[in-house]
């Protein structure tokens, strides 16, 4: 009787484990299939003008004129604007975010860290449009008065807003990576006579390099893909920006502004813009992965 009861219990456990495994597999497949469908749809719509309608892909990415009413679709100014804005945001946001993460994980007293860490994480929960409103109400007028601009909506305003927006991602992920470094690394370095600051930058940070690179990639993804905040502070100029005070229109802004009323070839060209944006993110991720792998050898 006891063996029969135990056998039924084992059978129920086996069935439960089997069912759990199938549920997890279904969730994993659902995520992969959803991603594949999104990518497939965007590439199908975006490739249509070049495959079926005879438009030149090189003219699309190297052209400087975006006038859908005249059948002109050139996105070079938007590509350059996106590159400038992303690089500028990384130059400002990554050092500040990394140093903040180091301070919270290694230097700050525990009471201070317990207050600052949730405060930084709270920034990630603020809707992106509010960052744009902040930039439009504070940063844009400041730049307008400081530099005597006709309007403060400019490349530098976009860079500053994106740098602020990527901070919580960079800080949170980098801090987690730094805290995950075993204490024995620190103790060994200090025992060999290294200073606390030397231990942080020569032992702890290199040991957490993989997590830090992940933080940079995620922060970069936030900067590249941001739309609403950028629309409010970019200025919407279709010219190639030549200075920090020029207005601009990044790729994401172009899609968001025109997709609502676009149709036919115009709409497909906006999907093609999405393909360029997607490829842009993949290339930057690949470059950062190579840099990270090279640093580990």
Protein backbone atom coordinates (compact mmCIF):
# COMPACT_ATOMS: atom_id res chain seq x y z
CA UNK A 1 0.00 0.00 0.00
CA UNK A 2 2.81 2.32 0.93
CA UNK A 3 4.70 1.48 -2.26
CA UNK A 4 1.58 2.10 -4.35
CA UNK A 5 1.07 5.53 -2.75
CA UNK A 6 4.73 6.41 -3.28
CA UNK A 7 4.47 5.28 -6.90
CA UNK A 8 1.48 7.56 -7.50
CA UNK A 9 3.31 10.46 -5.84
CA UNK A 10 6.37 9.91 -8.05
CA UNK A 11 4.14 9.71 -11.12
CA UNK A 12 2.46 13.01 -10.24
CA UNK A 13 5.88 14.65 -9.73
CA UNK A 14 7.06 13.33 -13.09
CA UNK A 15 3.93 14.59 -14.84
CA UNK A 16 4.26 18.00 -13.13
CA UNK A 17 7.92 18.30 -14.14
CA UNK A 18 7.08 17.23 -17.69
CA UNK A 19 4.26 19.80 -17.87
CA UNK A 20 6.52 22.54 -16.46
CA UNK A 21 9.17 21.72 -19.03
CA UNK A 22 6.62 21.97 -21.84
CA UNK A 23 5.33 25.32 -20.54
CA UNK A 24 8.85 26.73 -20.38
CA UNK A 25 9.56 25.44 -23.90
CA UNK A 26 6.34 27.02 -25.17
CA UNK A 27 7.26 30.39 -23.62
CA UNK A 28 10.75 30.24 -25.12
CA UNK A 29 9.42 29.32 -28.56
CA UNK A 30 6.75 32.03 -28.32
CA UNK A 31 9.43 34.66 -27.66
CA UNK A 32 11.61 33.45 -30.55
CA UNK A 33 8.65 33.16 -32.94
CA UNK A 34 7.41 36.65 -32.01
CA UNK A 35 10.85 38.10 -32.69
CA UNK A 36 11.11 36.23 -35.99
CA UNK A 37 7.65 37.45 -37.08
CA UNK A 38 8.47 41.08 -36.24
CA UNK A 39 11.81 40.96 -38.07
CA UNK A 40 10.29 39.10 -41.02
CA UNK A 41 7.42 41.59 -41.36
CA UNK A 42 9.70 44.63 -41.17
CA UNK A 43 12.16 43.19 -43.70
CA UNK A 44 9.34 42.10 -46.04
CA UNK A 45 7.75 45.56 -46.05
CA UNK A 46 11.06 47.40 -46.11
CA UNK A 47 12.60 45.38 -48.94
CA UNK A 48 9.53 45.64 -51.19
CA UNK A 49 10.40 49.02 -52.82
CA UNK A 50 13.86 47.79 -53.81
CA UNK A 51 12.82 44.31 -54.96
CA UNK A 52 9.45 44.96 -56.61
CA UNK A 53 9.46 48.68 -57.46
CA UNK A 54 13.02 49.18 -58.68
CA UNK A 55 14.21 51.80 -56.21
CA UNK A 56 17.97 52.01 -55.69
CA UNK A 57 19.09 50.96 -52.23
CA UNK A 58 22.28 53.02 -52.54
CA UNK A 59 20.27 56.12 -53.41
CA UNK A 60 18.13 55.41 -50.37
CA UNK A 61 20.99 55.29 -47.86
CA UNK A 62 23.23 57.87 -49.57
CA UNK A 63 20.56 60.33 -50.72
CA UNK A 64 20.13 63.64 -48.90
CA UNK A 65 16.57 64.52 -49.91
CA UNK A 66 13.50 63.11 -48.17
CA UNK A 67 10.47 64.43 -50.08
CA UNK A 68 7.83 61.67 -50.30
CA UNK A 69 5.48 63.88 -52.33
CA UNK A 70 8.16 64.02 -55.07
CA UNK A 71 9.10 60.36 -54.73
CA UNK A 72 12.50 61.19 -53.20
CA UNK A 73 13.66 59.00 -50.32
CA UNK A 74 17.15 59.69 -49.03
CA UNK A 75 18.02 59.07 -45.38
CA UNK A 76 21.73 59.95 -45.17
CA UNK A 77 21.11 63.05 -42.95
CA UNK A 78 19.04 60.88 -40.57
CA UNK A 79 21.70 58.17 -40.42
CA UNK A 80 24.39 60.72 -39.60
CA UNK A 81 22.11 62.40 -37.06
CA UNK A 82 21.46 59.07 -35.30
CA UNK A 83 25.19 58.25 -35.25
CA UNK A 84 26.13 61.66 -33.84
CA UNK A 85 23.41 61.55 -31.18
CA UNK A 86 24.28 58.00 -30.09
CA UNK A 87 28.03 58.58 -29.92
CA UNK A 88 27.54 61.84 -28.04
CA UNK A 89 25.22 60.18 -25.53
CA UNK A 90 27.71 57.35 -25.02
CA UNK A 91 30.60 59.77 -24.51
CA UNK A 92 28.70 61.59 -21.75
CA UNK A 93 26.52 58.84 -20.29
CA UNK A 94 28.92 55.88 -20.07
CA UNK A 95 31.66 57.51 -17.94
CA UNK A 96 29.12 59.12 -15.60
CA UNK A 97 27.14 55.88 -15.33
CA UNK A 98 30.23 53.73 -14.78
CA UNK A 99 31.71 56.02 -12.12
CA UNK A 100 28.32 56.16 -10.39
CA UNK A 101 28.12 52.37 -10.40
CA UNK A 102 31.65 52.10 -8.98
CA UNK A 103 30.81 54.61 -6.27
CA UNK A 104 27.61 52.80 -5.26
CA UNK A 105 29.17 49.32 -5.31
CA UNK A 106 32.62 50.01 -3.87
CA UNK A 107 32.97 53.39 -2.19
CA UNK A 108 29.65 54.69 -0.87
CA UNK A 109 28.68 53.85 2.74
CA UNK A 110 25.85 51.33 2.86
CA UNK A 111 23.21 53.84 4.10
CA UNK A 112 24.07 56.15 1.20
CA UNK A 113 24.03 53.29 -1.33
CA UNK A 114 20.66 52.10 -0.04
CA UNK A 115 19.22 55.53 -0.80
CA UNK A 116 20.97 56.31 -4.08
CA UNK A 117 20.56 52.92 -5.79
CA UNK A 118 16.73 52.93 -5.69
CA UNK A 119 16.76 56.60 -6.69
CA UNK A 120 18.80 55.79 -9.80
CA UNK A 121 16.59 52.80 -10.61
CA UNK A 122 13.54 55.02 -10.27
CA UNK A 123 14.79 57.03 -13.25
CA UNK A 124 14.23 53.97 -15.44
CA UNK A 125 10.54 54.01 -14.59
CA UNK A 126 9.95 57.57 -15.77
CA UNK A 127 8.10 57.62 -19.13
CA UNK A 128 10.35 58.72 -21.97
CA UNK A 129 8.01 61.51 -22.99
CA UNK A 130 8.61 63.16 -19.59
CA UNK A 131 12.34 63.22 -20.33
CA UNK A 132 11.46 64.99 -23.55
CA UNK A 133 9.25 67.48 -21.73
CA UNK A 134 12.07 68.10 -19.24
CA UNK A 135 14.49 68.67 -22.11
CA UNK A 136 12.06 70.97 -23.88
CA UNK A 137 11.29 73.00 -20.74
CA UNK A 138 14.76 73.15 -19.14
CA UNK A 139 17.59 72.11 -21.48
CA UNK A 140 16.32 73.74 -24.69
CA UNK A 141 15.73 77.23 -23.18
CA UNK A 142 19.08 77.03 -21.35
CA UNK A 143 20.94 76.25 -24.59
CA UNK A 144 18.97 78.92 -26.41
CA UNK A 145 20.00 81.59 -23.90
CA UNK A 146 23.54 80.31 -23.37
CA UNK A 147 24.54 80.10 -27.03
CA UNK A 148 22.22 82.74 -28.45
CA UNK A 149 20.41 80.28 -30.70
CA UNK A 150 17.26 81.01 -32.65
CA UNK A 151 15.89 77.83 -31.13
CA UNK A 152 17.48 75.50 -28.60
CA UNK A 153 16.26 72.28 -30.22
CA UNK A 154 19.55 70.88 -31.41
CA UNK A 155 22.01 68.00 -31.48
CA UNK A 156 23.48 68.91 -28.09
CA UNK A 157 19.98 68.91 -26.55
CA UNK A 158 19.35 65.42 -27.95
CA UNK A 159 22.71 64.20 -26.64
CA UNK A 160 22.06 65.54 -23.14
CA UNK A 161 18.55 64.05 -22.95
CA UNK A 162 19.72 60.65 -24.22
CA UNK A 163 22.69 60.64 -21.84
CA UNK A 164 20.33 61.22 -18.91
CA UNK A 165 17.96 58.52 -20.15
CA UNK A 166 20.63 55.86 -20.48
CA UNK A 167 22.09 56.48 -17.00
CA UNK A 168 19.75 54.22 -14.99
CA UNK A 169 20.38 51.28 -17.34
CA UNK A 170 24.15 51.69 -17.32
CA UNK A 171 24.35 52.30 -13.57
CA UNK A 172 22.06 49.42 -12.53
CA UNK A 173 23.60 46.74 -14.76
CA UNK A 174 27.20 47.87 -14.14
CA UNK A 175 26.64 48.04 -10.39
CA UNK A 176 25.26 44.49 -10.37
CA UNK A 177 28.27 43.27 -12.35
CA UNK A 178 30.73 44.97 -10.00
CA UNK A 179 29.04 43.62 -6.89
CA UNK A 180 29.23 40.11 -8.40
CA UNK A 181 33.05 40.16 -8.41
CA UNK A 182 34.23 37.80 -5.62
CA UNK A 183 35.59 39.47 -2.49
CA UNK A 184 38.73 37.31 -2.74
CA UNK A 185 39.82 39.40 -5.75
CA UNK A 186 39.75 42.55 -3.67
CA UNK A 187 41.36 40.92 -0.64
CA UNK A 188 44.15 39.44 -2.74
CA UNK A 189 44.89 42.76 -4.42
CA UNK A 190 44.94 44.66 -1.13
CA UNK A 191 47.14 41.97 0.45
CA UNK A 192 49.68 42.51 -2.33
CA UNK A 193 49.89 46.20 -1.45
CA UNK A 194 47.55 47.76 -3.99
CA UNK A 195 45.55 50.81 -2.95
CA UNK A 196 41.75 50.62 -2.74
CA UNK A 197 41.36 52.80 -5.84
CA UNK A 198 44.00 50.80 -7.68
CA UNK A 199 42.19 47.60 -6.73
CA UNK A 200 38.92 48.97 -8.10
CA UNK A 201 40.30 50.02 -11.49
CA UNK A 202 42.93 47.32 -12.02
CA UNK A 203 41.18 44.29 -10.53
CA UNK A 204 37.44 44.76 -9.92
CA UNK A 205 36.48 46.65 -13.08
CA UNK A 206 38.41 44.30 -15.43
CA UNK A 207 36.82 41.31 -13.68
CA UNK A 208 33.38 42.83 -14.25
CA UNK A 209 34.12 43.77 -17.86
CA UNK A 210 31.53 41.44 -19.36
CA UNK A 211 28.71 42.91 -17.27
CA UNK A 212 29.92 46.46 -17.89
CA UNK A 213 29.91 45.88 -21.66
CA UNK A 214 26.38 44.54 -21.34
CA UNK A 215 25.41 47.74 -19.53
CA UNK A 216 26.92 49.82 -22.33
CA UNK A 217 25.11 47.81 -25.03
CA UNK A 218 21.76 48.13 -23.23
CA UNK A 219 22.30 51.84 -22.65
CA UNK A 220 23.24 52.28 -26.30
CA UNK A 221 20.08 50.43 -27.33
CA UNK A 222 18.06 52.86 -25.21
CA UNK A 223 19.78 55.81 -26.88
CA UNK A 224 19.40 54.54 -30.45
CA UNK A 225 15.79 53.45 -30.12
CA UNK A 226 14.44 56.43 -28.22
CA UNK A 227 11.75 58.34 -30.09
CA UNK A 228 9.34 60.50 -28.10
CA UNK A 229 11.92 62.39 -26.08
CA UNK A 230 14.02 63.00 -29.19
CA UNK A 231 11.07 64.34 -31.19
CA UNK A 232 10.59 67.12 -28.64
CA UNK A 233 14.20 68.33 -28.53
CA UNK A 234 15.66 67.48 -31.98
CA UNK A 235 14.18 70.30 -34.06
CA UNK A 236 13.16 68.11 -37.03
CA UNK A 237 15.65 69.39 -39.62
CA UNK A 238 16.36 67.21 -42.67
CA UNK A 239 19.86 68.64 -43.12
CA UNK A 240 23.08 66.91 -42.12
CA UNK A 241 24.11 68.39 -38.72
CA UNK A 242 27.50 70.08 -38.92
CA UNK A 243 27.67 71.42 -35.35
CA UNK A 244 26.26 70.67 -31.93
CA UNK A 245 23.78 73.53 -32.26
CA UNK A 246 22.18 72.29 -35.49
CA UNK A 247 18.71 70.76 -35.41
CA UNK A 248 18.29 67.23 -36.75
CA UNK A 249 15.93 64.34 -37.46
CA UNK A 250 17.17 60.89 -36.37
CA UNK A 251 15.87 57.65 -37.90
CA UNK A 252 13.42 56.88 -35.11
CA UNK A 253 11.93 60.37 -35.27
CA UNK A 254 11.39 60.07 -39.01
CA UNK A 255 9.44 56.82 -38.57
CA UNK A 256 7.32 58.14 -35.72
CA UNK A 257 6.45 61.45 -37.39
CA UNK A 258 5.30 60.05 -40.73
CA UNK A 259 4.07 56.49 -40.16
CA UNK A 260 0.64 57.70 -39.03
CA UNK A 261 -0.31 59.10 -42.45
CA UNK A 262 2.06 57.26 -44.80
CA UNK A 263 0.82 54.68 -47.31
CA UNK A 264 2.13 52.74 -50.30
CA UNK A 265 5.77 53.34 -51.18
CA UNK A 266 6.12 56.02 -48.54
CA UNK A 267 5.09 53.59 -45.81
CA UNK A 268 7.39 50.87 -47.16
CA UNK A 269 10.30 53.31 -47.17
CA UNK A 270 9.64 53.99 -43.50
CA UNK A 271 9.87 50.23 -42.89
CA UNK A 272 13.14 50.31 -44.85
CA UNK A 273 14.30 53.02 -42.46
CA UNK A 274 13.50 50.57 -39.66
CA UNK A 275 15.72 47.97 -41.37
CA UNK A 276 18.60 50.46 -41.39
CA UNK A 277 18.00 51.22 -37.72
CA UNK A 278 17.92 47.50 -36.91
CA UNK A 279 21.15 46.91 -38.87
CA UNK A 280 22.74 49.89 -37.15
CA UNK A 281 22.04 48.39 -33.72
CA UNK A 282 23.37 44.97 -34.80
CA UNK A 283 26.60 46.47 -36.13
CA UNK A 284 27.25 48.47 -32.96
CA UNK A 285 26.52 45.43 -30.78
CA UNK A 286 28.91 43.36 -32.90
CA UNK A 287 31.67 45.98 -32.58
CA UNK A 288 31.25 46.21 -28.80
CA UNK A 289 31.26 42.41 -28.51
CA UNK A 290 34.52 42.26 -30.48
CA UNK A 291 36.07 44.95 -28.29
CA UNK A 292 34.99 43.06 -25.16
CA UNK A 293 36.32 39.74 -26.48
CA UNK A 294 39.63 41.32 -27.48
CA UNK A 295 40.03 42.84 -24.03
CA UNK A 296 39.53 39.46 -22.36
CA UNK A 297 42.41 37.78 -24.21
